[in-house]
Protein backbone atom coordinates (compact mmCIF):
# COMPACT_ATOMS: atom_id res chain seq x y z
CA MET A 1 -9.12 281.86 17.09
CA ALA A 2 -7.69 280.82 13.70
CA HIS A 3 -7.49 277.07 13.15
CA VAL A 4 -4.80 275.29 11.14
CA LEU A 5 -4.58 271.71 9.90
CA ILE A 6 -1.13 270.15 9.52
CA ALA A 7 -1.53 267.24 7.09
CA GLY A 8 1.61 265.12 7.17
CA ARG A 9 4.66 264.88 9.39
CA LEU A 10 6.16 268.29 10.20
CA ASP A 11 9.58 269.07 11.62
CA GLU A 12 9.64 270.40 15.17
CA ALA A 13 10.82 273.79 13.87
CA GLY A 14 7.42 274.31 12.21
CA LEU A 15 5.42 272.99 15.14
CA ALA A 16 7.28 275.29 17.52
CA LEU A 17 6.44 278.27 15.34
CA LEU A 18 2.79 277.27 15.33
CA ARG A 19 2.66 276.74 19.09
CA GLY A 20 4.12 280.19 19.64
CA ALA A 21 1.58 281.96 17.42
CA PRO A 22 -1.01 283.82 19.52
CA GLY A 23 -4.65 283.12 18.76
CA VAL A 24 -3.96 280.03 16.65
CA THR A 25 -5.04 276.44 17.27
CA TYR A 26 -4.18 273.42 15.16
CA ASP A 27 -4.81 269.77 14.36
CA TYR A 28 -1.84 267.61 13.47
CA VAL A 29 -2.11 264.42 11.43
CA GLU A 30 1.24 262.74 10.80
CA ALA A 31 0.00 260.20 8.27
CA VAL A 32 0.66 261.30 4.69
CA SER A 33 -2.65 260.20 3.18
CA GLU A 34 -5.78 261.87 1.89
CA ALA A 35 -8.02 259.74 4.10
CA ALA A 36 -6.16 260.80 7.25
CA TYR A 37 -6.64 264.55 6.87
CA LEU A 38 -9.97 264.93 5.05
CA PRO A 39 -12.18 264.44 8.16
CA LEU A 40 -10.48 267.46 9.79
CA LEU A 41 -10.39 269.75 6.75
CA GLY A 42 -13.87 271.19 7.25
CA ALA A 43 -12.81 273.15 10.34
CA ALA A 44 -9.49 274.40 8.93
CA GLU A 45 -8.80 278.01 7.98
CA GLY A 46 -5.22 277.18 7.02
CA LEU A 47 -3.82 273.95 5.61
CA VAL A 48 -0.17 272.89 5.61
CA LEU A 49 0.02 270.04 3.10
CA ARG A 50 2.73 267.49 2.33
CA THR A 51 2.36 265.41 -0.86
CA GLN A 52 -1.29 264.33 -0.54
CA PRO A 53 -3.84 265.28 -3.20
CA LEU A 54 -6.09 268.27 -2.61
CA THR A 55 -9.05 267.93 -4.94
CA ALA A 56 -11.86 270.28 -5.90
CA ALA A 57 -14.25 268.11 -3.87
CA ALA A 58 -12.06 268.42 -0.78
CA ILE A 59 -11.82 272.19 -1.22
CA ALA A 60 -15.60 272.44 -1.56
CA GLY A 61 -15.90 270.65 1.77
CA ALA A 62 -13.72 273.23 3.55
CA PRO A 63 -15.90 276.35 3.90
CA ALA A 64 -13.52 278.14 6.29
CA LEU A 65 -10.35 277.60 4.27
CA ARG A 66 -8.32 280.76 3.69
CA VAL A 67 -4.88 279.52 2.65
CA VAL A 68 -3.10 276.33 1.56
CA SER A 69 0.64 276.10 2.10
CA ARG A 70 2.61 273.32 0.43
CA HIS A 71 5.51 271.82 2.36
CA GLY A 72 7.65 272.05 -0.76
CA VAL A 73 7.62 273.72 -4.16
CA GLY A 74 5.59 271.29 -6.31
CA TYR A 75 1.82 271.33 -6.46
CA ASP A 76 0.92 268.76 -9.11
CA ALA A 77 -1.66 267.12 -6.83
CA VAL A 78 -3.43 270.37 -5.86
CA ASP A 79 -6.45 271.68 -7.78
CA VAL A 80 -5.20 275.25 -8.16
CA ALA A 81 -8.21 276.33 -10.23
CA ALA A 82 -10.60 275.30 -7.45
CA LEU A 83 -8.58 277.30 -4.93
CA SER A 84 -8.46 280.34 -7.20
CA ALA A 85 -12.22 280.20 -7.74
CA ARG A 86 -12.61 280.63 -3.98
CA GLY A 87 -9.89 283.30 -3.69
CA ILE A 88 -7.70 280.95 -1.67
CA PRO A 89 -3.96 281.46 -2.20
CA LEU A 90 -1.73 278.43 -2.69
CA MET A 91 1.72 279.06 -1.26
CA VAL A 92 5.03 277.23 -1.61
CA VAL A 93 8.30 277.43 0.30
CA GLY A 94 10.50 278.99 -2.39
CA ASP A 95 14.15 278.05 -2.65
CA VAL A 96 14.65 276.61 0.84
CA ASN A 97 15.42 273.13 -0.52
CA ALA A 98 17.16 274.11 -3.77
CA ARG A 99 20.62 273.55 -2.33
CA SER A 100 19.62 270.15 -1.00
CA VAL A 101 18.21 269.08 -4.38
CA ALA A 102 21.31 270.33 -6.20
CA GLU A 103 23.63 268.44 -3.86
CA HIS A 104 21.57 265.27 -4.35
CA ALA A 105 21.71 265.66 -8.13
CA MET A 106 25.47 266.10 -7.93
CA THR A 107 25.69 262.99 -5.75
CA LEU A 108 23.77 260.93 -8.33
CA ILE A 109 25.96 262.30 -11.14
CA LEU A 110 29.09 261.29 -9.24
CA ALA A 111 27.67 257.87 -8.37
CA ALA A 112 26.94 257.22 -12.05
CA ALA A 113 30.27 258.53 -13.34
CA LYS A 114 32.27 256.53 -10.80
CA ASP A 115 30.14 253.35 -11.13
CA LEU A 116 29.75 253.58 -7.37
CA ARG A 117 26.84 251.16 -7.04
CA ALA A 118 28.71 248.31 -8.77
CA MET A 119 31.96 249.03 -6.92
CA ASP A 120 30.20 248.96 -3.55
CA ALA A 121 28.55 245.64 -4.45
CA ALA A 122 31.89 244.21 -5.57
CA VAL A 123 33.59 244.90 -2.26
CA ARG A 124 30.65 243.63 -0.22
CA GLY A 125 30.45 240.51 -2.38
CA GLY A 126 34.15 239.69 -2.19
CA ALA A 127 34.86 240.56 -5.82
CA TRP A 128 37.88 242.79 -5.13
CA ALA A 129 39.33 241.93 -8.55
CA ARG A 130 36.50 243.95 -10.09
CA ARG A 131 38.85 246.92 -9.74
CA ASP A 132 40.84 245.61 -12.71
CA ALA A 133 37.86 246.33 -14.99
CA TYR A 134 36.94 249.66 -13.41
CA GLY A 135 35.73 252.19 -15.97
CA GLY A 136 34.88 255.22 -13.88
CA ARG A 137 35.02 258.64 -15.52
CA GLU A 138 36.14 262.10 -14.44
CA LEU A 139 33.72 264.99 -14.55
CA PHE A 140 36.36 267.59 -15.32
CA GLY A 141 35.86 268.93 -18.84
CA LYS A 142 32.59 267.08 -19.37
CA ARG A 143 29.51 268.94 -20.60
CA LEU A 144 26.51 269.10 -18.26
CA LEU A 145 23.08 270.01 -19.62
CA ILE A 146 20.62 271.22 -16.98
CA LEU A 147 17.01 270.89 -18.14
CA GLY A 148 15.10 273.60 -16.27
CA TYR A 149 17.14 276.52 -14.94
CA GLY A 150 15.27 277.48 -11.80
CA ARG A 151 16.49 277.50 -8.21
CA SER A 152 17.89 273.98 -7.95
CA GLY A 153 19.21 274.03 -11.51
CA ARG A 154 21.22 277.17 -10.83
CA ALA A 155 22.55 275.74 -7.57
CA LEU A 156 23.67 272.62 -9.45
CA ALA A 157 25.37 274.75 -12.11
CA ARG A 158 27.58 276.33 -9.46
CA LEU A 159 28.51 272.93 -8.01
CA ALA A 160 29.27 271.49 -11.44
CA ALA A 161 31.39 274.49 -12.37
CA ALA A 162 33.51 273.83 -9.28
CA PHE A 163 34.18 270.34 -10.68
CA GLY A 164 35.41 271.92 -13.92
CA MET A 165 32.38 270.92 -15.98
CA ALA A 166 31.16 272.99 -18.93
CA VAL A 167 27.57 273.86 -18.01
CA GLU A 168 24.71 274.47 -20.42
CA ALA A 169 21.07 274.99 -19.48
CA TYR A 170 17.85 274.71 -21.45
CA ASP A 171 14.84 276.62 -20.18
CA PRO A 172 12.53 278.43 -22.63
CA PHE A 173 11.13 280.53 -19.78
CA VAL A 174 14.46 282.08 -18.79
CA ASP A 175 15.61 285.35 -20.35
CA PRO A 176 19.31 285.10 -21.30
CA ALA A 177 19.71 288.77 -20.45
CA GLY A 178 18.88 288.03 -16.83
CA LEU A 179 21.57 285.38 -16.27
CA GLY A 180 24.21 287.81 -15.05
CA ASP A 181 27.26 285.91 -13.81
CA GLU A 182 25.54 282.52 -13.78
CA PRO A 183 27.99 279.76 -14.78
CA ALA A 184 25.65 278.17 -17.33
CA ARG A 185 25.36 279.12 -20.97
CA LEU A 186 21.73 279.10 -22.11
CA ALA A 187 20.99 276.69 -24.98
CA GLN A 188 18.45 277.73 -27.61
CA ASP A 189 17.93 274.30 -29.19
CA LEU A 190 17.21 271.32 -26.92
CA GLY A 191 18.07 268.72 -29.54
CA ARG A 192 21.53 270.13 -30.20
CA ALA A 193 22.15 270.56 -26.49
CA LEU A 194 21.26 266.91 -25.87
CA GLU A 195 23.64 265.80 -28.63
CA ALA A 196 26.52 267.69 -27.00
CA ALA A 197 25.83 266.63 -23.41
CA ASP A 198 27.84 264.08 -21.43
CA VAL A 199 25.47 264.43 -18.48
CA VAL A 200 21.84 265.61 -18.35
CA SER A 201 20.24 266.65 -15.05
CA VAL A 202 16.49 267.29 -14.97
CA HIS A 203 15.12 270.19 -12.88
CA ALA A 204 11.99 271.03 -14.90
CA PRO A 205 8.35 270.80 -13.76
CA LYS A 206 6.09 268.09 -15.08
CA GLY A 207 4.19 269.00 -18.24
CA PRO A 208 1.42 267.37 -20.28
CA ARG A 209 4.00 265.09 -21.91
CA PRO A 210 7.51 263.96 -20.96
CA ALA A 211 10.15 266.56 -21.73
CA LEU A 212 12.56 263.71 -22.44
CA GLY A 213 10.85 261.00 -24.47
CA ALA A 214 12.20 258.43 -26.90
CA ALA A 215 12.94 261.04 -29.57
CA GLU A 216 14.91 263.25 -27.19
CA LEU A 217 16.80 260.36 -25.58
CA SER A 218 17.80 259.07 -29.01
CA ARG A 219 19.82 262.26 -29.53
CA LEU A 220 22.09 261.63 -26.54
CA LYS A 221 25.64 260.55 -27.32
CA PRO A 222 26.58 256.98 -26.34
CA GLY A 223 27.79 256.88 -22.76
CA ALA A 224 25.63 259.76 -21.53
CA ILE A 225 24.41 259.95 -17.93
CA LEU A 226 20.87 261.03 -17.04
CA VAL A 227 19.76 262.23 -13.59
CA ASN A 228 16.25 263.22 -12.51
CA THR A 229 15.58 264.90 -9.15
CA ALA A 230 12.61 266.94 -10.41
CA ARG A 231 9.33 265.09 -10.96
CA GLY A 232 8.36 261.68 -12.19
CA GLY A 233 6.93 261.85 -15.70
CA VAL A 234 9.35 264.50 -16.94
CA VAL A 235 11.39 261.60 -18.32
CA ASP A 236 9.60 258.82 -20.21
CA GLU A 237 10.49 255.83 -18.02
CA ALA A 238 9.86 253.18 -20.67
CA ALA A 239 12.02 255.07 -23.16
CA LEU A 240 14.78 255.47 -20.58
CA ALA A 241 14.70 251.76 -19.74
CA GLU A 242 15.02 250.97 -23.45
CA ALA A 243 17.90 253.43 -23.87
CA LEU A 244 19.71 251.78 -20.95
CA ARG A 245 19.13 248.31 -22.37
CA GLU A 246 20.54 249.40 -25.73
CA GLY A 247 23.50 251.15 -24.10
CA ARG A 248 22.60 254.54 -25.53
CA VAL A 249 22.39 255.83 -21.94
CA ALA A 250 25.27 254.46 -19.87
CA ALA A 251 23.88 255.18 -16.41
CA ALA A 252 21.09 257.01 -14.63
CA GLY A 253 20.29 258.41 -11.20
CA LEU A 254 16.64 258.71 -10.23
CA ASP A 255 15.06 260.25 -7.15
CA VAL A 256 11.54 260.37 -8.62
CA PHE A 257 9.11 258.11 -10.49
CA GLU A 258 5.84 258.74 -12.29
CA ALA A 259 4.08 256.36 -9.86
CA GLU A 260 5.53 256.43 -6.36
CA PRO A 261 6.58 254.05 -5.04
CA PRO A 262 7.47 252.33 -8.33
CA TRP A 263 5.65 249.09 -8.99
CA ALA A 264 7.31 245.76 -8.26
CA GLY A 265 9.41 244.62 -11.18
CA HIS A 266 9.80 248.13 -12.65
CA PRO A 267 12.62 247.82 -15.24
CA LEU A 268 14.49 250.85 -13.90
CA THR A 269 14.67 249.46 -10.36
CA ALA A 270 16.28 246.24 -11.65
CA HIS A 271 18.91 247.84 -13.89
CA ALA A 272 22.46 247.62 -12.52
CA ALA A 273 23.46 251.01 -13.95
CA VAL A 274 20.68 252.95 -12.20
CA THR A 275 21.19 254.53 -8.77
CA LEU A 276 17.92 255.14 -6.92
CA SER A 277 16.59 257.12 -3.97
CA PRO A 278 12.99 257.43 -2.70
CA HIS A 279 12.15 261.09 -3.55
CA VAL A 280 14.38 262.49 -0.83
CA ALA A 281 16.49 265.04 -2.73
CA GLY A 282 14.87 267.97 -0.94
CA LEU A 283 14.58 266.31 2.48
CA THR A 284 17.89 266.85 4.21
CA ARG A 285 17.60 267.66 7.92
CA GLU A 286 18.37 271.30 7.25
CA ALA A 287 15.99 271.65 4.31
CA THR A 288 13.20 269.85 6.16
CA ALA A 289 13.45 272.29 9.05
CA ARG A 290 13.45 275.26 6.66
CA MET A 291 10.43 273.92 4.76
CA ALA A 292 8.52 273.37 8.00
CA ARG A 293 9.16 276.91 9.19
CA VAL A 294 8.30 278.57 5.90
CA SER A 295 5.19 276.46 5.24
CA VAL A 296 3.80 277.43 8.66
CA GLN A 297 4.91 281.05 8.34
CA ASN A 298 3.06 281.28 5.02
CA VAL A 299 -0.21 280.44 6.77
CA LEU A 300 0.44 282.87 9.61
CA ASP A 301 1.33 285.62 7.13
CA VAL A 302 -1.96 285.18 5.26
CA PHE A 303 -3.85 285.37 8.56
CA ALA A 304 -1.97 288.62 9.29
CA GLY A 305 -2.54 290.03 5.80
CA ARG A 306 1.13 290.15 4.83
CA ALA A 307 1.66 287.16 2.55
CA ASP A 308 4.81 287.21 0.41
CA PRO A 309 3.57 287.42 -3.23
CA ALA A 310 6.74 285.70 -4.44
CA LEU A 311 5.63 282.52 -2.68
CA VAL A 312 2.05 282.55 -3.99
CA VAL A 313 1.31 280.28 -6.94
CA ASN A 314 -2.06 281.81 -7.86
CA ARG A 315 -1.43 285.49 -7.24
CA ASP A 316 -4.81 286.43 -8.68
CA ALA A 317 -6.39 284.73 -5.68
CA LEU A 318 -4.26 286.78 -3.31
CA ALA A 319 -5.26 289.98 -5.12
CA ALA A 320 -8.93 288.98 -4.98
CA ARG A 321 -8.67 288.34 -1.26
CA ALA A 322 -7.03 291.71 -0.69
CA ALA A 323 -9.74 293.44 -2.72
CA GLY A 324 -12.45 291.64 -0.79
């Protein structure tokens, strides 16, 4: 019997797949915390993991572990090197939530352009006359810069193009020759692209330093909108708060923070021109069901020796396992 640990709440679609797998047993811990799943990790051959950390120490305490499958596409909190040293593949769910993230980014862009948060508050607060000072903007003809042109970035480009926006993307890892009929034009210089942008939407992974710090934000034109549905830390939060205070950035939409949840009194949570959501861009009902199915299927595929290499983060570990 192969044993699986589900660490964090999983949609019924994934649980049903697991229950129907012959020769597989599982533990299920709904709490999304390291302390909740660690006592059960030692017996697990497969681990389906939500957003909790997976450290080298935890991996060392799991002698039977054969595969880790992330319920998502990010893996910032997973010690990939420790998994690779053991020949344990780390798998992700691919583009199953890209459409959801793109739609959420588009929603935040629209909310910022139409001043939706303030207009909603005005009606609820009895300030109907606020309509006389309404300054909402159209998206048609505006220039959108997408920072990071992966799955969700490309999905957003198609949505923005339908609104009549001019779409530009900056991603040094994308070959312009491979864009085909993508609606975005690939920018070669980030600084110049920022200067031309009316709206910037972040879809890049977190790096050692913020991709958009004070220097980058200073190049935005007055009135620009900034949206981040990628990862906290890709945008320097202190620099963004300062740019909003100075009016250099007119509005922002944030689904992610460097520390989640954000600390009480965080300047971005108090700013009237910032629309917020609690890291839910990829968690629509449909995307959650797809992520559950794929994250479980990844584990079952490794058990069966047919893992999809396209979904493996550390492919050297998969090759080492096959050779062994």
